[in-house]
Amino acid sequence: MQITILNAEMTYSKEDGYVGKVQFEAEGHSNQYEITLASKRGTRDWGYGLFFLHESGKEEELLALEDQLEEDDELFDLLVDTAKAKLEK
């Protein structure tokens, strides 16, 4: 799946751990997305939430993308790495 990154950010604190988000477009999808990422265990074991970025869209596209993220480690890692690259030092 081809994605285009629109924006990314990540912060770290002892209290919250790593918290980030990536805004992106997915090829063939009619809406843009935002994935929020969180990990309290270093940079592993990420929890995430996937949302439409601006307005609601087709639920089947969101669910298909979520399935893709669960199955495609490279795609998920790309989003995590993009957010980590923006980590405030």
C-alpha atoms as a PDB file:
ATOM      1  CA  MET A   1       0.000   0.000   0.000  1.00  0.00           C
ATOM      2  CA  GLN A   2       1.351   3.394  -0.993  1.00  0.00           C
ATOM      3  CA  ILE A   3       1.026   6.126   1.640  1.00  0.00           C
ATOM      4  CA  THR A   4       1.953   9.798   1.641  1.00  0.00           C
ATOM      5  CA  ILE A   5       2.998  11.373   4.936  1.00  0.00           C
ATOM      6  CA  LEU A   6       1.406  14.756   5.600  1.00  0.00           C
ATOM      7  CA  ASN A   7       2.662  15.495   9.112  1.00  0.00           C
ATOM      8  CA  ALA A   8       4.259  13.690  12.050  1.00  0.00           C
ATOM      9  CA  GLU A   9       5.250  14.406  15.634  1.00  0.00           C
ATOM     10  CA  MET A  10       6.328  12.608  18.789  1.00  0.00           C
ATOM     11  CA  THR A  11       7.077  13.559  22.366  1.00  0.00           C
ATOM     12  CA  TYR A  12       8.521  11.705  25.337  1.00  0.00           C
ATOM     13  CA  SER A  13       8.025  12.156  29.061  1.00  0.00           C
ATOM     14  CA  LYS A  14       8.679   9.876  32.023  1.00  0.00           C
ATOM     15  CA  GLU A  15       4.998  10.040  32.958  1.00  0.00           C
ATOM     16  CA  ASP A  16       3.471   9.302  29.541  1.00  0.00           C
ATOM     17  CA  GLY A  17       6.268   7.511  27.700  1.00  0.00           C
ATOM     18  CA  TYR A  18       6.324   8.002  23.939  1.00  0.00           C
ATOM     19  CA  VAL A  19       3.265   9.660  22.379  1.00  0.00           C
ATOM     20  CA  GLY A  20       3.089  10.489  18.700  1.00  0.00           C
ATOM     21  CA  LYS A  21       0.871  10.910  15.699  1.00  0.00           C
ATOM     22  CA  VAL A  22       1.205  10.688  11.950  1.00  0.00           C
ATOM     23  CA  GLN A  23      -1.189  12.216   9.444  1.00  0.00           C
ATOM     24  CA  PHE A  24      -1.202  10.530   6.038  1.00  0.00           C
ATOM     25  CA  GLU A  25      -3.032   9.622   2.855  1.00  0.00           C
ATOM     26  CA  ALA A  26      -3.448   6.057   1.607  1.00  0.00           C
ATOM     27  CA  GLU A  27      -3.544   5.360  -2.107  1.00  0.00           C
ATOM     28  CA  GLY A  28      -7.065   4.666  -3.336  1.00  0.00           C
ATOM     29  CA  HIS A  29      -8.756   5.970  -0.177  1.00  0.00           C
ATOM     30  CA  SER A  30     -11.062   8.953  -0.316  1.00  0.00           C
ATOM     31  CA  ASN A  31     -10.102  10.411   3.089  1.00  0.00           C
ATOM     32  CA  GLN A  32      -6.924  11.242   4.973  1.00  0.00           C
ATOM     33  CA  TYR A  33      -6.028   9.522   8.248  1.00  0.00           C
ATOM     34  CA  GLU A  34      -4.294  10.128  11.536  1.00  0.00           C
ATOM     35  CA  ILE A  35      -2.721   7.380  13.585  1.00  0.00           C
ATOM     36  CA  THR A  36      -1.917   8.074  17.227  1.00  0.00           C
ATOM     37  CA  LEU A  37       0.873   6.021  18.780  1.00  0.00           C
ATOM     38  CA  ALA A  38       1.797   5.378  22.404  1.00  0.00           C
ATOM     39  CA  SER A  39       4.374   3.245  24.207  1.00  0.00           C
ATOM     40  CA  LYS A  40       5.423   3.252  27.829  1.00  0.00           C
ATOM     41  CA  ARG A  41       7.947   0.449  27.266  1.00  0.00           C
ATOM     42  CA  GLY A  42      10.667   2.187  25.329  1.00  0.00           C
ATOM     43  CA  THR A  43      10.241   2.101  21.597  1.00  0.00           C
ATOM     44  CA  ARG A  44       8.493  -1.299  21.443  1.00  0.00           C
ATOM     45  CA  ASP A  45       4.987  -2.560  22.083  1.00  0.00           C
ATOM     46  CA  TRP A  46       3.122   0.297  20.452  1.00  0.00           C
ATOM     47  CA  GLY A  47      -0.555   0.877  21.026  1.00  0.00           C
ATOM     48  CA  TYR A  48      -2.352   2.867  18.381  1.00  0.00           C
ATOM     49  CA  GLY A  49      -5.621   4.400  17.299  1.00  0.00           C
ATOM     50  CA  LEU A  50      -6.562   5.033  13.679  1.00  0.00           C
ATOM     51  CA  PHE A  51      -8.916   7.893  12.835  1.00  0.00           C
ATOM     52  CA  PHE A  52     -10.141   9.920   9.886  1.00  0.00           C
ATOM     53  CA  LEU A  53      -8.166  13.164   9.801  1.00  0.00           C
ATOM     54  CA  HIS A  54     -10.720  15.828   8.862  1.00  0.00           C
ATOM     55  CA  GLU A  55     -14.144  14.292   8.387  1.00  0.00           C
ATOM     56  CA  SER A  56     -15.733  10.881   8.567  1.00  0.00           C
ATOM     57  CA  GLY A  57     -15.346   8.666   5.548  1.00  0.00           C
ATOM     58  CA  LYS A  58     -16.065   5.149   4.406  1.00  0.00           C
ATOM     59  CA  GLU A  59     -15.907   2.789   7.348  1.00  0.00           C
ATOM     60  CA  GLU A  60     -14.895  -0.114   5.093  1.00  0.00           C
ATOM     61  CA  GLU A  61     -11.804   1.842   3.957  1.00  0.00           C
ATOM     62  CA  LEU A  62     -10.826   2.566   7.568  1.00  0.00           C
ATOM     63  CA  LEU A  63     -11.286  -1.091   8.536  1.00  0.00           C
ATOM     64  CA  ALA A  64      -9.304  -2.269   5.501  1.00  0.00           C
ATOM     65  CA  LEU A  65      -6.456   0.071   6.449  1.00  0.00           C
ATOM     66  CA  GLU A  66      -6.560  -1.135  10.041  1.00  0.00           C
ATOM     67  CA  ASP A  67      -6.323  -4.743   8.810  1.00  0.00           C
ATOM     68  CA  GLN A  68      -3.382  -3.746   6.620  1.00  0.00           C
ATOM     69  CA  LEU A  69      -1.602  -2.176   9.604  1.00  0.00           C
ATOM     70  CA  GLU A  70      -2.113  -5.362  11.635  1.00  0.00           C
ATOM     71  CA  GLU A  71      -0.722  -7.581   8.855  1.00  0.00           C
ATOM     72  CA  ASP A  72       2.021  -5.394   7.346  1.00  0.00           C
ATOM     73  CA  ASP A  73       4.801  -4.814   9.883  1.00  0.00           C
ATOM     74  CA  GLU A  74       6.770  -2.721   7.401  1.00  0.00           C
ATOM     75  CA  LEU A  75       3.876  -0.291   6.946  1.00  0.00           C
ATOM     76  CA  PHE A  76       3.309   0.029  10.692  1.00  0.00           C
ATOM     77  CA  ASP A  77       7.049   0.425  11.328  1.00  0.00           C
ATOM     78  CA  LEU A  78       7.221   3.142   8.674  1.00  0.00           C
ATOM     79  CA  LEU A  79       4.583   5.159  10.538  1.00  0.00           C
ATOM     80  CA  VAL A  80       6.295   4.615  13.899  1.00  0.00           C
ATOM     81  CA  ASP A  81       9.721   5.482  12.493  1.00  0.00           C
ATOM     82  CA  THR A  82       8.331   8.622  10.845  1.00  0.00           C
ATOM     83  CA  ALA A  83       6.947   9.814  14.188  1.00  0.00           C
ATOM     84  CA  LYS A  84      10.132   8.846  16.060  1.00  0.00           C
ATOM     85  CA  ALA A  85      12.201  10.884  13.612  1.00  0.00           C
ATOM     86  CA  LYS A  86      10.306  13.956  14.846  1.00  0.00           C
ATOM     87  CA  LEU A  87      10.963  13.219  18.521  1.00  0.00           C
ATOM     88  CA  GLU A  88      11.761  16.399  20.390  1.00  0.00           C
ATOM     89  CA  LYS A  89      15.221  16.052  21.850  1.00  0.00           C
END
